[in-house]
Amino acid sequence: MISILLATYNGEKYLSLSIESILNQTYQDFELLIGFNGTTDDSKSIPDKYNDPRIRVFDYGDDKGKSKTLNKLLKEAKYDWIALQDDDDFWIHTKLEKQIKLVNDYDVIGTFINYINENGDITGRPILSSFPNDIKHISLAGINQVANTSAIFKKSDALLMNGWKDGLDGIEDYDFWLRLMREGKSFINIPEELVHHRLHSNSNFNTKRHDLRKIL
């Protein structure tokens, strides 16, 4: 079974679509943990309308930061495998079904993704490898090969890494994958676009700048 972690900050505009893409998965053995951090819009009322016992909601008040929220949700997770979702992304309905078939072979299982704009139109896709060795080598060369909201991974490995580092909003996932690679964990990407990742002006990736050389 899979624990899905969704950290959200003022995600009212797209949160319903994100949640519904999870609830509509063909693989249904999961729980969805939603963590609100510093939220001031009306998004806190959205999970209530689904009346699904697999959804658990946590309000962390003004303790902002995606990494902080993910680390708190990780401790609440009941199951051995973790998936991540953003409040503005959505999944193709067969995503988890295709990934769960590989859990005996790999430690981190991602997929290819599409980029979409604020209107949901596909605008492109990143160049990702589906080959384990290439994923590591290209990532270590400075190009992240694991799309954050595409991946599932072992809870035990995330705890071993002490979760995500605070202060790296926008690339906290890249740092997390690199640390797992350093520990020798195995990676794979399913070569299908099973996630729509939204790029817009308020995305953390577009508003934060970090020294990648220092992280590498």
C-alpha atoms as a PDB file:
ATOM      1  CA  MET A   1       0.000   0.000   0.000  1.00  0.00           C
ATOM      2  CA  ILE A   2       1.071   3.574  -0.670  1.00  0.00           C
ATOM      3  CA  SER A   3       0.981   6.736   1.423  1.00  0.00           C
ATOM      4  CA  ILE A   4       0.620   9.808  -0.792  1.00  0.00           C
ATOM      5  CA  LEU A   5       1.970  13.061   0.654  1.00  0.00           C
ATOM      6  CA  LEU A   6       0.489  16.323  -0.585  1.00  0.00           C
ATOM      7  CA  ALA A   7       1.887  19.535   0.896  1.00  0.00           C
ATOM      8  CA  THR A   8      -0.126  22.594  -0.046  1.00  0.00           C
ATOM      9  CA  TYR A   9       0.091  26.345   0.419  1.00  0.00           C
ATOM     10  CA  ASN A  10      -2.800  28.417  -0.964  1.00  0.00           C
ATOM     11  CA  GLY A  11      -3.540  25.747  -3.560  1.00  0.00           C
ATOM     12  CA  GLU A  12      -7.232  26.472  -3.958  1.00  0.00           C
ATOM     13  CA  LYS A  13      -7.134  26.936  -7.739  1.00  0.00           C
ATOM     14  CA  TYR A  14      -5.967  23.436  -8.691  1.00  0.00           C
ATOM     15  CA  LEU A  15      -6.252  21.326  -5.525  1.00  0.00           C
ATOM     16  CA  SER A  16      -9.535  19.639  -6.465  1.00  0.00           C
ATOM     17  CA  LEU A  17      -8.123  18.408  -9.768  1.00  0.00           C
ATOM     18  CA  SER A  18      -5.012  17.143  -8.004  1.00  0.00           C
ATOM     19  CA  ILE A  19      -7.006  15.204  -5.397  1.00  0.00           C
ATOM     20  CA  GLU A  20      -9.415  13.766  -7.956  1.00  0.00           C
ATOM     21  CA  SER A  21      -6.550  12.474 -10.095  1.00  0.00           C
ATOM     22  CA  ILE A  22      -5.476  10.468  -7.044  1.00  0.00           C
ATOM     23  CA  LEU A  23      -8.911   9.198  -6.090  1.00  0.00           C
ATOM     24  CA  ASN A  24      -9.525   8.110  -9.701  1.00  0.00           C
ATOM     25  CA  GLN A  25      -6.446   5.883  -9.859  1.00  0.00           C
ATOM     26  CA  THR A  26      -7.011   2.322 -11.054  1.00  0.00           C
ATOM     27  CA  TYR A  27      -4.818   1.223  -8.119  1.00  0.00           C
ATOM     28  CA  GLN A  28      -6.841   2.038  -5.019  1.00  0.00           C
ATOM     29  CA  ASP A  29      -4.773   0.753  -2.065  1.00  0.00           C
ATOM     30  CA  PHE A  30      -3.513   4.058  -0.716  1.00  0.00           C
ATOM     31  CA  GLU A  31      -3.980   6.792   1.828  1.00  0.00           C
ATOM     32  CA  LEU A  32      -3.763  10.500   0.983  1.00  0.00           C
ATOM     33  CA  LEU A  33      -2.191  12.796   3.557  1.00  0.00           C
ATOM     34  CA  ILE A  34      -2.792  16.500   2.926  1.00  0.00           C
ATOM     35  CA  GLY A  35      -0.745  19.021   4.885  1.00  0.00           C
ATOM     36  CA  PHE A  36      -1.712  22.715   4.941  1.00  0.00           C
ATOM     37  CA  ASN A  37       1.071  25.135   5.810  1.00  0.00           C
ATOM     38  CA  GLY A  38       0.462  28.863   6.119  1.00  0.00           C
ATOM     39  CA  THR A  39      -2.666  28.594   3.982  1.00  0.00           C
ATOM     40  CA  THR A  40      -4.891  31.694   3.864  1.00  0.00           C
ATOM     41  CA  ASP A  41      -7.230  30.864   0.966  1.00  0.00           C
ATOM     42  CA  ASP A  42     -10.301  28.583   0.968  1.00  0.00           C
ATOM     43  CA  SER A  43      -8.442  25.395   0.067  1.00  0.00           C
ATOM     44  CA  LYS A  44      -8.864  23.900   3.563  1.00  0.00           C
ATOM     45  CA  SER A  45     -12.528  23.211   2.815  1.00  0.00           C
ATOM     46  CA  ILE A  46     -11.806  21.257  -0.393  1.00  0.00           C
ATOM     47  CA  PRO A  47     -10.890  17.815   1.061  1.00  0.00           C
ATOM     48  CA  ASP A  48     -14.161  17.737   3.029  1.00  0.00           C
ATOM     49  CA  LYS A  49     -16.276  17.441  -0.092  1.00  0.00           C
ATOM     50  CA  TYR A  50     -14.845  14.022  -0.989  1.00  0.00           C
ATOM     51  CA  ASN A  51     -15.886  12.226   2.215  1.00  0.00           C
ATOM     52  CA  ASP A  52     -13.236   9.569   1.614  1.00  0.00           C
ATOM     53  CA  PRO A  53     -11.814   7.799   4.711  1.00  0.00           C
ATOM     54  CA  ARG A  54      -8.453   7.401   2.962  1.00  0.00           C
ATOM     55  CA  ILE A  55      -7.933  11.165   3.117  1.00  0.00           C
ATOM     56  CA  ARG A  56      -6.271  12.496   6.265  1.00  0.00           C
ATOM     57  CA  VAL A  57      -5.830  16.245   6.694  1.00  0.00           C
ATOM     58  CA  PHE A  58      -3.236  18.039   8.820  1.00  0.00           C
ATOM     59  CA  ASP A  59      -3.242  21.792   9.453  1.00  0.00           C
ATOM     60  CA  TYR A  60       0.222  23.019  10.423  1.00  0.00           C
ATOM     61  CA  GLY A  61      -0.833  26.621  10.868  1.00  0.00           C
ATOM     62  CA  ASP A  62       1.787  29.206   9.961  1.00  0.00           C
ATOM     63  CA  ASP A  63       4.708  26.767  10.011  1.00  0.00           C
ATOM     64  CA  LYS A  64       5.487  27.295   6.333  1.00  0.00           C
ATOM     65  CA  GLY A  65       7.832  25.385   4.060  1.00  0.00           C
ATOM     66  CA  LYS A  66       7.273  22.442   1.775  1.00  0.00           C
ATOM     67  CA  SER A  67      10.139  20.389   3.204  1.00  0.00           C
ATOM     68  CA  LYS A  68       8.882  20.891   6.758  1.00  0.00           C
ATOM     69  CA  THR A  69       5.404  19.789   5.765  1.00  0.00           C
ATOM     70  CA  LEU A  70       6.610  16.718   3.864  1.00  0.00           C
ATOM     71  CA  ASN A  71       8.735  15.645   6.816  1.00  0.00           C
ATOM     72  CA  LYS A  72       5.757  15.931   9.154  1.00  0.00           C
ATOM     73  CA  LEU A  73       3.523  13.990   6.779  1.00  0.00           C
ATOM     74  CA  LEU A  74       6.194  11.310   6.343  1.00  0.00           C
ATOM     75  CA  LYS A  75       6.052  10.603  10.080  1.00  0.00           C
ATOM     76  CA  GLU A  76       2.261  10.230   9.840  1.00  0.00           C
ATOM     77  CA  ALA A  77       2.399   7.813   6.888  1.00  0.00           C
ATOM     78  CA  LYS A  78       1.128   4.312   7.621  1.00  0.00           C
ATOM     79  CA  TYR A  79       2.502   2.411   4.647  1.00  0.00           C
ATOM     80  CA  ASP A  80       5.856   1.219   3.325  1.00  0.00           C
ATOM     81  CA  TRP A  81       5.808   3.106   0.021  1.00  0.00           C
ATOM     82  CA  ILE A  82       5.560   6.879  -0.411  1.00  0.00           C
ATOM     83  CA  ALA A  83       4.307   8.942  -3.345  1.00  0.00           C
ATOM     84  CA  LEU A  84       4.430  12.722  -3.663  1.00  0.00           C
ATOM     85  CA  GLN A  85       1.840  14.994  -5.212  1.00  0.00           C
ATOM     86  CA  ASP A  86       1.752  18.770  -5.689  1.00  0.00           C
ATOM     87  CA  ASP A  87      -1.451  20.739  -5.355  1.00  0.00           C
ATOM     88  CA  ASP A  88      -1.225  21.930  -8.971  1.00  0.00           C
ATOM     89  CA  ASP A  89      -0.193  18.672 -10.706  1.00  0.00           C
ATOM     90  CA  PHE A  90      -2.385  15.756 -11.718  1.00  0.00           C
ATOM     91  CA  TRP A  91      -1.838  12.093 -12.512  1.00  0.00           C
ATOM     92  CA  ILE A  92      -2.962   9.867 -15.363  1.00  0.00           C
ATOM     93  CA  HIS A  93      -5.330   7.274 -13.900  1.00  0.00           C
ATOM     94  CA  THR A  94      -3.024   4.264 -14.454  1.00  0.00           C
ATOM     95  CA  LYS A  95       0.073   5.816 -12.840  1.00  0.00           C
ATOM     96  CA  LEU A  96       0.159   3.917  -9.552  1.00  0.00           C
ATOM     97  CA  GLU A  97      -0.979   0.656 -11.137  1.00  0.00           C
ATOM     98  CA  LYS A  98       2.000   0.661 -13.484  1.00  0.00           C
ATOM     99  CA  GLN A  99       4.461   1.665 -10.780  1.00  0.00           C
ATOM    100  CA  ILE A 100       3.377  -0.858  -8.163  1.00  0.00           C
ATOM    101  CA  LYS A 101       4.390  -3.691 -10.514  1.00  0.00           C
ATOM    102  CA  LEU A 102       8.045  -2.660 -10.117  1.00  0.00           C
ATOM    103  CA  VAL A 103       8.338  -2.321  -6.348  1.00  0.00           C
ATOM    104  CA  ASN A 104      10.257  -5.579  -5.981  1.00  0.00           C
ATOM    105  CA  ASP A 105      12.898  -4.461  -8.475  1.00  0.00           C
ATOM    106  CA  TYR A 106      13.706  -0.797  -7.713  1.00  0.00           C
ATOM    107  CA  ASP A 107      13.931   1.600  -4.770  1.00  0.00           C
ATOM    108  CA  VAL A 108      12.684   4.702  -6.608  1.00  0.00           C
ATOM    109  CA  ILE A 109      10.182   4.413  -9.454  1.00  0.00           C
ATOM    110  CA  GLY A 110       9.432   7.530 -11.490  1.00  0.00           C
ATOM    111  CA  THR A 111       7.724   8.176 -14.804  1.00  0.00           C
ATOM    112  CA  PHE A 112       8.039  10.508 -17.729  1.00  0.00           C
ATOM    113  CA  ILE A 113       5.941  13.680 -17.440  1.00  0.00           C
ATOM    114  CA  ASN A 114       4.319  16.432 -19.488  1.00  0.00           C
ATOM    115  CA  TYR A 115       4.628  20.119 -18.711  1.00  0.00           C
ATOM    116  CA  ILE A 116       1.324  22.012 -18.711  1.00  0.00           C
ATOM    117  CA  ASN A 117       0.471  25.687 -18.349  1.00  0.00           C
ATOM    118  CA  GLU A 118      -2.095  27.391 -16.111  1.00  0.00           C
ATOM    119  CA  ASN A 119      -4.882  26.381 -18.506  1.00  0.00           C
ATOM    120  CA  GLY A 120      -3.857  22.730 -18.572  1.00  0.00           C
ATOM    121  CA  ASP A 121      -2.420  22.827 -22.095  1.00  0.00           C
ATOM    122  CA  ILE A 122       0.627  20.620 -22.709  1.00  0.00           C
ATOM    123  CA  THR A 123       3.613  22.862 -23.405  1.00  0.00           C
ATOM    124  CA  GLY A 124       6.419  20.318 -23.592  1.00  0.00           C
ATOM    125  CA  ARG A 125       8.224  17.664 -21.606  1.00  0.00           C
ATOM    126  CA  PRO A 126      11.653  17.327 -20.000  1.00  0.00           C
ATOM    127  CA  ILE A 127      14.226  14.942 -21.430  1.00  0.00           C
ATOM    128  CA  LEU A 128      14.368  12.105 -18.920  1.00  0.00           C
ATOM    129  CA  SER A 129      16.055   8.736 -19.151  1.00  0.00           C
ATOM    130  CA  SER A 130      14.385   5.433 -18.364  1.00  0.00           C
ATOM    131  CA  PHE A 131      17.698   3.624 -17.845  1.00  0.00           C
ATOM    132  CA  PRO A 132      18.919   3.254 -14.238  1.00  0.00           C
ATOM    133  CA  ASN A 133      22.585   4.056 -14.870  1.00  0.00           C
ATOM    134  CA  ASP A 134      21.776   7.057 -17.059  1.00  0.00           C
ATOM    135  CA  ILE A 135      19.378   8.435 -14.444  1.00  0.00           C
ATOM    136  CA  LYS A 136      22.200   8.517 -11.909  1.00  0.00           C
ATOM    137  CA  HIS A 137      24.945   9.774 -14.204  1.00  0.00           C
ATOM    138  CA  ILE A 138      22.871  12.592 -15.714  1.00  0.00           C
ATOM    139  CA  SER A 139      21.531  13.644 -12.309  1.00  0.00           C
ATOM    140  CA  LEU A 140      25.051  13.766 -10.889  1.00  0.00           C
ATOM    141  CA  ALA A 141      26.067  15.918 -13.862  1.00  0.00           C
ATOM    142  CA  GLY A 142      23.539  18.568 -12.803  1.00  0.00           C
ATOM    143  CA  ILE A 143      20.300  17.654 -14.591  1.00  0.00           C
ATOM    144  CA  ASN A 144      17.600  16.167 -12.357  1.00  0.00           C
ATOM    145  CA  GLN A 145      16.209  13.002 -13.928  1.00  0.00           C
ATOM    146  CA  VAL A 146      13.463  12.231 -11.391  1.00  0.00           C
ATOM    147  CA  ALA A 147      10.255  14.249 -11.593  1.00  0.00           C
ATOM    148  CA  ASN A 148       9.125  14.901  -8.026  1.00  0.00           C
ATOM    149  CA  THR A 149       5.418  14.104  -8.332  1.00  0.00           C
ATOM    150  CA  SER A 150       6.056  11.105 -10.551  1.00  0.00           C
ATOM    151  CA  ALA A 151       8.083   9.084  -8.053  1.00  0.00           C
ATOM    152  CA  ILE A 152       7.250   6.444  -5.486  1.00  0.00           C
ATOM    153  CA  PHE A 153       9.901   5.258  -3.028  1.00  0.00           C
ATOM    154  CA  LYS A 154      10.378   3.381   0.226  1.00  0.00           C
ATOM    155  CA  LYS A 155       9.409   5.086   3.466  1.00  0.00           C
ATOM    156  CA  SER A 156      12.375   3.444   5.188  1.00  0.00           C
ATOM    157  CA  ASP A 157      14.772   5.080   2.716  1.00  0.00           C
ATOM    158  CA  ALA A 158      13.199   8.499   3.232  1.00  0.00           C
ATOM    159  CA  LEU A 159      13.574   8.143   6.998  1.00  0.00           C
ATOM    160  CA  LEU A 160      17.183   7.034   6.525  1.00  0.00           C
ATOM    161  CA  MET A 161      17.821  10.337   4.711  1.00  0.00           C
ATOM    162  CA  ASN A 162      15.998  12.286   7.456  1.00  0.00           C
ATOM    163  CA  GLY A 163      13.564  13.398   4.781  1.00  0.00           C
ATOM    164  CA  TRP A 164      13.898  16.673   2.905  1.00  0.00           C
ATOM    165  CA  LYS A 165      16.218  19.533   3.775  1.00  0.00           C
ATOM    166  CA  ASP A 166      14.624  22.822   4.749  1.00  0.00           C
ATOM    167  CA  GLY A 167      15.593  25.953   2.816  1.00  0.00           C
ATOM    168  CA  LEU A 168      15.733  24.280  -0.601  1.00  0.00           C
ATOM    169  CA  ASP A 169      12.174  24.970  -1.773  1.00  0.00           C
ATOM    170  CA  GLY A 170      12.022  24.341  -5.490  1.00  0.00           C
ATOM    171  CA  ILE A 171      14.822  21.776  -5.601  1.00  0.00           C
ATOM    172  CA  GLU A 172      14.356  19.927  -2.331  1.00  0.00           C
ATOM    173  CA  ASP A 173      13.431  16.891  -4.409  1.00  0.00           C
ATOM    174  CA  TYR A 174      16.654  17.010  -6.448  1.00  0.00           C
ATOM    175  CA  ASP A 175      18.727  17.132  -3.274  1.00  0.00           C
ATOM    176  CA  PHE A 176      16.691  14.220  -1.874  1.00  0.00           C
ATOM    177  CA  TRP A 177      17.309  12.040  -4.958  1.00  0.00           C
ATOM    178  CA  LEU A 178      21.025  12.820  -4.953  1.00  0.00           C
ATOM    179  CA  ARG A 179      21.352  11.697  -1.343  1.00  0.00           C
ATOM    180  CA  LEU A 180      19.529   8.461  -2.141  1.00  0.00           C
ATOM    181  CA  MET A 181      21.854   7.901  -5.103  1.00  0.00           C
ATOM    182  CA  ARG A 182      24.829   8.374  -2.812  1.00  0.00           C
ATOM    183  CA  GLU A 183      23.456   5.513  -0.693  1.00  0.00           C
ATOM    184  CA  GLY A 184      23.324   3.245  -3.726  1.00  0.00           C
ATOM    185  CA  LYS A 185      19.553   3.139  -4.173  1.00  0.00           C
ATOM    186  CA  SER A 186      18.233   1.934  -7.531  1.00  0.00           C
ATOM    187  CA  PHE A 187      16.203   4.221  -9.818  1.00  0.00           C
ATOM    188  CA  ILE A 188      13.939   3.682 -12.833  1.00  0.00           C
ATOM    189  CA  ASN A 189      11.598   5.864 -14.893  1.00  0.00           C
ATOM    190  CA  ILE A 190       8.630   4.295 -16.645  1.00  0.00           C
ATOM    191  CA  PRO A 191       8.884   5.688 -20.215  1.00  0.00           C
ATOM    192  CA  GLU A 192       5.309   6.978 -20.316  1.00  0.00           C
ATOM    193  CA  GLU A 193       3.986  10.460 -19.533  1.00  0.00           C
ATOM    194  CA  LEU A 194       1.866   9.561 -16.494  1.00  0.00           C
ATOM    195  CA  VAL A 195       2.017  12.961 -14.758  1.00  0.00           C
ATOM    196  CA  HIS A 196       1.029  16.466 -15.857  1.00  0.00           C
ATOM    197  CA  HIS A 197       3.330  18.910 -14.083  1.00  0.00           C
ATOM    198  CA  ARG A 198       2.097  22.489 -14.049  1.00  0.00           C
ATOM    199  CA  LEU A 199       4.535  25.351 -14.620  1.00  0.00           C
ATOM    200  CA  HIS A 200       3.328  28.831 -13.747  1.00  0.00           C
ATOM    201  CA  SER A 201       4.600  32.105 -12.339  1.00  0.00           C
ATOM    202  CA  ASN A 202       4.072  31.069  -8.703  1.00  0.00           C
ATOM    203  CA  SER A 203       5.833  27.699  -8.939  1.00  0.00           C
ATOM    204  CA  ASN A 204       8.628  27.264  -6.397  1.00  0.00           C
ATOM    205  CA  PHE A 205      10.952  26.145  -9.175  1.00  0.00           C
ATOM    206  CA  ASN A 206      10.357  29.410 -11.029  1.00  0.00           C
ATOM    207  CA  THR A 207      10.717  31.709  -8.021  1.00  0.00           C
ATOM    208  CA  LYS A 208      13.678  30.187  -6.128  1.00  0.00           C
ATOM    209  CA  ARG A 209      17.363  30.220  -7.044  1.00  0.00           C
ATOM    210  CA  HIS A 210      19.961  27.893  -5.539  1.00  0.00           C
ATOM    211  CA  ASP A 211      23.622  27.035  -6.082  1.00  0.00           C
ATOM    212  CA  LEU A 212      23.404  23.610  -7.741  1.00  0.00           C
ATOM    213  CA  ARG A 213      27.173  23.195  -7.589  1.00  0.00           C
ATOM    214  CA  LYS A 214      27.077  23.291  -3.800  1.00  0.00           C
ATOM    215  CA  ILE A 215      24.324  20.671  -3.673  1.00  0.00           C
ATOM    216  CA  LEU A 216      26.128  18.417  -6.142  1.00  0.00           C
END
